[in-house]
Amino acid sequence: MSDPSLAGEELLTARLSLRRPTEADIDAIFTIHSDPATCLHNSSDALARPEEAGELYQRWNNQWQSCGYGYWVVRRHDSALQLGFCGVKPMELNGMKVLNLFYRFATSAWGQGFASEAAIAVTSWASRHVPDLPLIARVRPANAASRRVAVRAGLTRAEHLDGTGYDGFDWIYAAKLPN
């Protein structure tokens, strides 16, 4: 799917607004991705220098331009503060084309259900707009919070797809797998 008309689509939940990132979000990208706690289970995602956030934003923006979807910036309705990021990107897993569900939030937003609320919105969006691709979440076995978000978003364990990822062994949670 490559529908540029979707690129400006904002997702709304009871408490949250999700919208496409802009250059104004680069500082938040750096702040969240340079916090050791937020990348504890995915150390390859950690940013060390502010310019890396600009490069990451550019990769996200390129995906939006080529696919018509990507990662959204998550905020409360009543705030300009970026709580985190949630979205999907196309990838291959064991030779199968899939959408990978991503969520990363500032530690100040942890434990309030924001990641689950955003992931549910993104999962619902993906099932409507990219229905032909299975949706997966790659989760480190020790990351109990991430496992809970994946399950709340409607994904179930797909142990037969588990394997080594970028930062170690991944448990795979999935929805819409082919039979």
C-alpha atoms as a PDB file:
ATOM      1  CA  MET A   1       0.000   0.000   0.000  1.00  0.00           C
ATOM      2  CA  SER A   2       1.305   3.405  -0.902  1.00  0.00           C
ATOM      3  CA  ASP A   3      -1.446   5.945  -0.447  1.00  0.00           C
ATOM      4  CA  PRO A   4      -0.076   9.460   0.106  1.00  0.00           C
ATOM      5  CA  SER A   5      -3.579  10.669   1.005  1.00  0.00           C
ATOM      6  CA  LEU A   6      -3.253   8.804   4.310  1.00  0.00           C
ATOM      7  CA  ALA A   7      -0.019  10.565   5.258  1.00  0.00           C
ATOM      8  CA  GLY A   8      -1.763  13.397   7.077  1.00  0.00           C
ATOM      9  CA  GLU A   9      -4.249  11.179   8.871  1.00  0.00           C
ATOM     10  CA  GLU A  10      -4.470  11.787  12.593  1.00  0.00           C
ATOM     11  CA  LEU A  11      -5.587   8.978  14.877  1.00  0.00           C
ATOM     12  CA  LEU A  12      -7.645   9.873  17.931  1.00  0.00           C
ATOM     13  CA  THR A  13      -8.369   7.782  21.008  1.00  0.00           C
ATOM     14  CA  ALA A  14     -10.161   8.664  24.227  1.00  0.00           C
ATOM     15  CA  ARG A  15      -7.062  10.412  25.600  1.00  0.00           C
ATOM     16  CA  LEU A  16      -4.538  10.547  22.787  1.00  0.00           C
ATOM     17  CA  SER A  17      -3.780  12.140  19.464  1.00  0.00           C
ATOM     18  CA  LEU A  18      -1.427  10.358  17.069  1.00  0.00           C
ATOM     19  CA  ARG A  19      -0.020  12.271  14.095  1.00  0.00           C
ATOM     20  CA  ARG A  20       2.789  12.046  11.593  1.00  0.00           C
ATOM     21  CA  PRO A  21       6.116  13.341  12.942  1.00  0.00           C
ATOM     22  CA  THR A  22       7.553  16.638  11.757  1.00  0.00           C
ATOM     23  CA  GLU A  23      10.986  18.205  12.146  1.00  0.00           C
ATOM     24  CA  ALA A  24       9.630  19.866  15.303  1.00  0.00           C
ATOM     25  CA  ASP A  25       9.613  16.396  16.919  1.00  0.00           C
ATOM     26  CA  ILE A  26      13.346  15.746  16.469  1.00  0.00           C
ATOM     27  CA  ASP A  27      14.208  16.934  19.998  1.00  0.00           C
ATOM     28  CA  ALA A  28      11.605  14.553  21.453  1.00  0.00           C
ATOM     29  CA  ILE A  29      12.920  11.726  19.287  1.00  0.00           C
ATOM     30  CA  PHE A  30      16.357  12.330  20.781  1.00  0.00           C
ATOM     31  CA  THR A  31      15.119  12.744  24.351  1.00  0.00           C
ATOM     32  CA  ILE A  32      13.127   9.499  24.308  1.00  0.00           C
ATOM     33  CA  HIS A  33      15.645   7.422  22.343  1.00  0.00           C
ATOM     34  CA  SER A  34      18.660   8.605  24.360  1.00  0.00           C
ATOM     35  CA  ASP A  35      17.134   7.596  27.691  1.00  0.00           C
ATOM     36  CA  PRO A  36      18.827   4.306  28.663  1.00  0.00           C
ATOM     37  CA  ALA A  37      15.598   3.037  30.266  1.00  0.00           C
ATOM     38  CA  THR A  38      13.542   3.380  27.077  1.00  0.00           C
ATOM     39  CA  CYS A  39      16.052   1.362  25.038  1.00  0.00           C
ATOM     40  CA  LEU A  40      16.984  -1.123  27.756  1.00  0.00           C
ATOM     41  CA  HIS A  41      15.664  -4.086  25.757  1.00  0.00           C
ATOM     42  CA  ASN A  42      16.595  -2.664  22.331  1.00  0.00           C
ATOM     43  CA  SER A  43      20.046  -1.159  22.744  1.00  0.00           C
ATOM     44  CA  SER A  44      20.567  -0.800  18.977  1.00  0.00           C
ATOM     45  CA  ASP A  45      17.762   1.821  18.982  1.00  0.00           C
ATOM     46  CA  ALA A  46      19.554   4.037  21.529  1.00  0.00           C
ATOM     47  CA  LEU A  47      20.720   7.429  20.292  1.00  0.00           C
ATOM     48  CA  ALA A  48      23.930   8.976  21.593  1.00  0.00           C
ATOM     49  CA  ARG A  49      24.075  12.248  19.631  1.00  0.00           C
ATOM     50  CA  PRO A  50      21.346  14.766  18.744  1.00  0.00           C
ATOM     51  CA  GLU A  51      22.134  14.536  15.018  1.00  0.00           C
ATOM     52  CA  GLU A  52      21.169  10.851  15.139  1.00  0.00           C
ATOM     53  CA  ALA A  53      17.621  11.939  15.973  1.00  0.00           C
ATOM     54  CA  GLY A  54      17.521  13.978  12.782  1.00  0.00           C
ATOM     55  CA  GLU A  55      18.677  10.940  10.807  1.00  0.00           C
ATOM     56  CA  LEU A  56      16.052   8.750  12.482  1.00  0.00           C
ATOM     57  CA  TYR A  57      13.358  11.330  11.746  1.00  0.00           C
ATOM     58  CA  GLN A  58      14.462  11.338   8.093  1.00  0.00           C
ATOM     59  CA  ARG A  59      14.140   7.535   7.885  1.00  0.00           C
ATOM     60  CA  TRP A  60      10.665   7.761   9.429  1.00  0.00           C
ATOM     61  CA  ASN A  61       9.698  10.558   7.040  1.00  0.00           C
ATOM     62  CA  ASN A  62      11.009   8.620   4.030  1.00  0.00           C
ATOM     63  CA  GLN A  63       8.822   5.685   5.031  1.00  0.00           C
ATOM     64  CA  TRP A  64       5.782   7.970   5.273  1.00  0.00           C
ATOM     65  CA  GLN A  65       6.554   9.304   1.808  1.00  0.00           C
ATOM     66  CA  SER A  66       7.013   5.872   0.249  1.00  0.00           C
ATOM     67  CA  CYS A  67       4.299   3.908   2.097  1.00  0.00           C
ATOM     68  CA  GLY A  68       1.748   6.502   3.217  1.00  0.00           C
ATOM     69  CA  TYR A  69       2.110   5.322   6.818  1.00  0.00           C
ATOM     70  CA  GLY A  70       4.729   4.899   9.515  1.00  0.00           C
ATOM     71  CA  TYR A  71       5.296   5.922  13.116  1.00  0.00           C
ATOM     72  CA  TRP A  72       3.011   8.472  14.737  1.00  0.00           C
ATOM     73  CA  VAL A  73       3.873  10.946  17.503  1.00  0.00           C
ATOM     74  CA  VAL A  74       1.653  10.331  20.523  1.00  0.00           C
ATOM     75  CA  ARG A  75       0.324  13.181  22.683  1.00  0.00           C
ATOM     76  CA  ARG A  76      -2.507  13.703  25.119  1.00  0.00           C
ATOM     77  CA  HIS A  77      -5.353  15.716  23.579  1.00  0.00           C
ATOM     78  CA  ASP A  78      -4.716  18.584  25.984  1.00  0.00           C
ATOM     79  CA  SER A  79      -0.921  18.785  25.627  1.00  0.00           C
ATOM     80  CA  ALA A  80       1.824  19.543  23.128  1.00  0.00           C
ATOM     81  CA  LEU A  81       4.222  17.232  25.016  1.00  0.00           C
ATOM     82  CA  GLN A  82       5.272  14.161  23.044  1.00  0.00           C
ATOM     83  CA  LEU A  83       4.620  11.068  25.164  1.00  0.00           C
ATOM     84  CA  GLY A  84       6.194   8.696  22.672  1.00  0.00           C
ATOM     85  CA  PHE A  85       5.880   7.063  19.291  1.00  0.00           C
ATOM     86  CA  CYS A  86       3.786   4.222  17.943  1.00  0.00           C
ATOM     87  CA  GLY A  87       3.293   2.908  14.440  1.00  0.00           C
ATOM     88  CA  VAL A  88       4.078   0.280  11.866  1.00  0.00           C
ATOM     89  CA  LYS A  89       6.744  -0.365   9.287  1.00  0.00           C
ATOM     90  CA  PRO A  90       6.951  -3.002   6.580  1.00  0.00           C
ATOM     91  CA  MET A  91       9.631  -5.644   6.993  1.00  0.00           C
ATOM     92  CA  GLU A  92      10.334  -9.307   6.336  1.00  0.00           C
ATOM     93  CA  LEU A  93      10.195 -11.990   8.979  1.00  0.00           C
ATOM     94  CA  ASN A  94      11.315 -15.476   7.986  1.00  0.00           C
ATOM     95  CA  GLY A  95      10.728 -14.614   4.316  1.00  0.00           C
ATOM     96  CA  MET A  96       7.197 -13.310   4.977  1.00  0.00           C
ATOM     97  CA  LYS A  97       6.216  -9.678   4.400  1.00  0.00           C
ATOM     98  CA  VAL A  98       4.769  -8.239   7.608  1.00  0.00           C
ATOM     99  CA  LEU A  99       4.069  -4.977   9.390  1.00  0.00           C
ATOM    100  CA  ASN A 100       6.103  -4.523  12.551  1.00  0.00           C
ATOM    101  CA  LEU A 101       4.258  -2.755  15.381  1.00  0.00           C
ATOM    102  CA  PHE A 102       6.548  -0.328  17.207  1.00  0.00           C
ATOM    103  CA  TYR A 103       5.950   1.550  20.443  1.00  0.00           C
ATOM    104  CA  ARG A 104       8.378   3.526  22.574  1.00  0.00           C
ATOM    105  CA  PHE A 105       7.345   6.008  25.256  1.00  0.00           C
ATOM    106  CA  ALA A 106       9.051   8.412  27.633  1.00  0.00           C
ATOM    107  CA  THR A 107       9.497   6.896  31.080  1.00  0.00           C
ATOM    108  CA  SER A 108       7.212   9.630  32.475  1.00  0.00           C
ATOM    109  CA  ALA A 109       4.380   8.086  30.395  1.00  0.00           C
ATOM    110  CA  TRP A 110       4.929   4.506  31.577  1.00  0.00           C
ATOM    111  CA  GLY A 111       2.298   2.682  33.613  1.00  0.00           C
ATOM    112  CA  GLN A 112      -0.641   4.836  32.475  1.00  0.00           C
ATOM    113  CA  GLY A 113      -1.907   2.717  29.579  1.00  0.00           C
ATOM    114  CA  PHE A 114      -0.780   5.150  26.871  1.00  0.00           C
ATOM    115  CA  ALA A 115       1.262   2.585  24.940  1.00  0.00           C
ATOM    116  CA  SER A 116      -1.630   0.113  24.901  1.00  0.00           C
ATOM    117  CA  GLU A 117      -4.119   2.801  23.880  1.00  0.00           C
ATOM    118  CA  ALA A 118      -1.866   3.963  21.037  1.00  0.00           C
ATOM    119  CA  ALA A 119      -1.037   0.400  19.930  1.00  0.00           C
ATOM    120  CA  ILE A 120      -4.742  -0.488  19.791  1.00  0.00           C
ATOM    121  CA  ALA A 121      -5.391   2.571  17.594  1.00  0.00           C
ATOM    122  CA  VAL A 122      -2.491   1.707  15.280  1.00  0.00           C
ATOM    123  CA  THR A 123      -3.481  -1.971  15.089  1.00  0.00           C
ATOM    124  CA  SER A 124      -7.033  -0.979  14.173  1.00  0.00           C
ATOM    125  CA  TRP A 125      -5.742   1.473  11.566  1.00  0.00           C
ATOM    126  CA  ALA A 126      -3.445  -1.162  10.054  1.00  0.00           C
ATOM    127  CA  SER A 127      -6.224  -3.755   9.807  1.00  0.00           C
ATOM    128  CA  ARG A 128      -8.330  -1.249   7.818  1.00  0.00           C
ATOM    129  CA  HIS A 129      -5.632   0.283   5.623  1.00  0.00           C
ATOM    130  CA  VAL A 130      -3.066  -2.504   5.150  1.00  0.00           C
ATOM    131  CA  PRO A 131      -5.277  -5.594   5.506  1.00  0.00           C
ATOM    132  CA  ASP A 132      -3.116  -7.892   3.385  1.00  0.00           C
ATOM    133  CA  LEU A 133      -0.081  -7.864   5.679  1.00  0.00           C
ATOM    134  CA  PRO A 134       0.169  -9.755   8.967  1.00  0.00           C
ATOM    135  CA  LEU A 135       0.962  -7.558  11.951  1.00  0.00           C
ATOM    136  CA  ILE A 136       3.730  -8.570  14.339  1.00  0.00           C
ATOM    137  CA  ALA A 137       5.466  -7.220  17.412  1.00  0.00           C
ATOM    138  CA  ARG A 138       9.015  -8.325  18.208  1.00  0.00           C
ATOM    139  CA  VAL A 139       9.384  -8.454  21.985  1.00  0.00           C
ATOM    140  CA  ARG A 140      12.314  -9.392  24.208  1.00  0.00           C
ATOM    141  CA  PRO A 141      11.266 -12.211  26.558  1.00  0.00           C
ATOM    142  CA  ALA A 142      12.278 -10.136  29.617  1.00  0.00           C
ATOM    143  CA  ASN A 143      10.169  -7.139  28.569  1.00  0.00           C
ATOM    144  CA  ALA A 144       6.908  -7.893  30.387  1.00  0.00           C
ATOM    145  CA  ALA A 145       5.456  -4.418  29.731  1.00  0.00           C
ATOM    146  CA  SER A 146       5.968  -4.759  25.974  1.00  0.00           C
ATOM    147  CA  ARG A 147       4.370  -8.219  26.023  1.00  0.00           C
ATOM    148  CA  ARG A 148       1.298  -6.771  27.761  1.00  0.00           C
ATOM    149  CA  VAL A 149       1.007  -3.982  25.162  1.00  0.00           C
ATOM    150  CA  ALA A 150       1.183  -6.486  22.294  1.00  0.00           C
ATOM    151  CA  VAL A 151      -1.550  -8.640  23.838  1.00  0.00           C
ATOM    152  CA  ARG A 152      -3.778  -5.649  24.605  1.00  0.00           C
ATOM    153  CA  ALA A 153      -3.367  -4.577  20.962  1.00  0.00           C
ATOM    154  CA  GLY A 154      -4.834  -7.914  19.885  1.00  0.00           C
ATOM    155  CA  LEU A 155      -1.674  -9.852  19.037  1.00  0.00           C
ATOM    156  CA  THR A 156      -1.045 -13.390  20.255  1.00  0.00           C
ATOM    157  CA  ARG A 157       2.145 -15.383  20.707  1.00  0.00           C
ATOM    158  CA  ALA A 158       3.430 -16.998  17.538  1.00  0.00           C
ATOM    159  CA  GLU A 159       6.210 -19.125  18.999  1.00  0.00           C
ATOM    160  CA  HIS A 160       6.972 -20.746  15.642  1.00  0.00           C
ATOM    161  CA  LEU A 161       8.232 -17.330  14.444  1.00  0.00           C
ATOM    162  CA  ASP A 162      10.503 -16.611  17.450  1.00  0.00           C
ATOM    163  CA  GLY A 163      14.125 -16.019  16.575  1.00  0.00           C
ATOM    164  CA  THR A 164      17.206 -13.887  16.879  1.00  0.00           C
ATOM    165  CA  GLY A 165      16.599 -10.192  16.278  1.00  0.00           C
ATOM    166  CA  TYR A 166      18.816  -7.109  16.248  1.00  0.00           C
ATOM    167  CA  ASP A 167      19.345  -7.051  20.014  1.00  0.00           C
ATOM    168  CA  GLY A 168      18.837 -10.655  21.010  1.00  0.00           C
ATOM    169  CA  PHE A 169      16.146 -13.290  20.927  1.00  0.00           C
ATOM    170  CA  ASP A 170      12.668 -12.050  19.926  1.00  0.00           C
ATOM    171  CA  TRP A 171       9.354 -13.471  20.968  1.00  0.00           C
ATOM    172  CA  ILE A 172       6.875 -12.800  18.173  1.00  0.00           C
ATOM    173  CA  TYR A 173       3.311 -11.702  18.772  1.00  0.00           C
ATOM    174  CA  ALA A 174       1.126 -11.618  15.683  1.00  0.00           C
ATOM    175  CA  ALA A 175      -2.278 -11.013  14.142  1.00  0.00           C
ATOM    176  CA  LYS A 176      -3.608 -11.987  10.721  1.00  0.00           C
ATOM    177  CA  LEU A 177      -1.005 -14.670  10.013  1.00  0.00           C
ATOM    178  CA  PRO A 178      -1.677 -16.728   6.895  1.00  0.00           C
ATOM    179  CA  ASN A 179      -2.870 -20.260   7.542  1.00  0.00           C
END
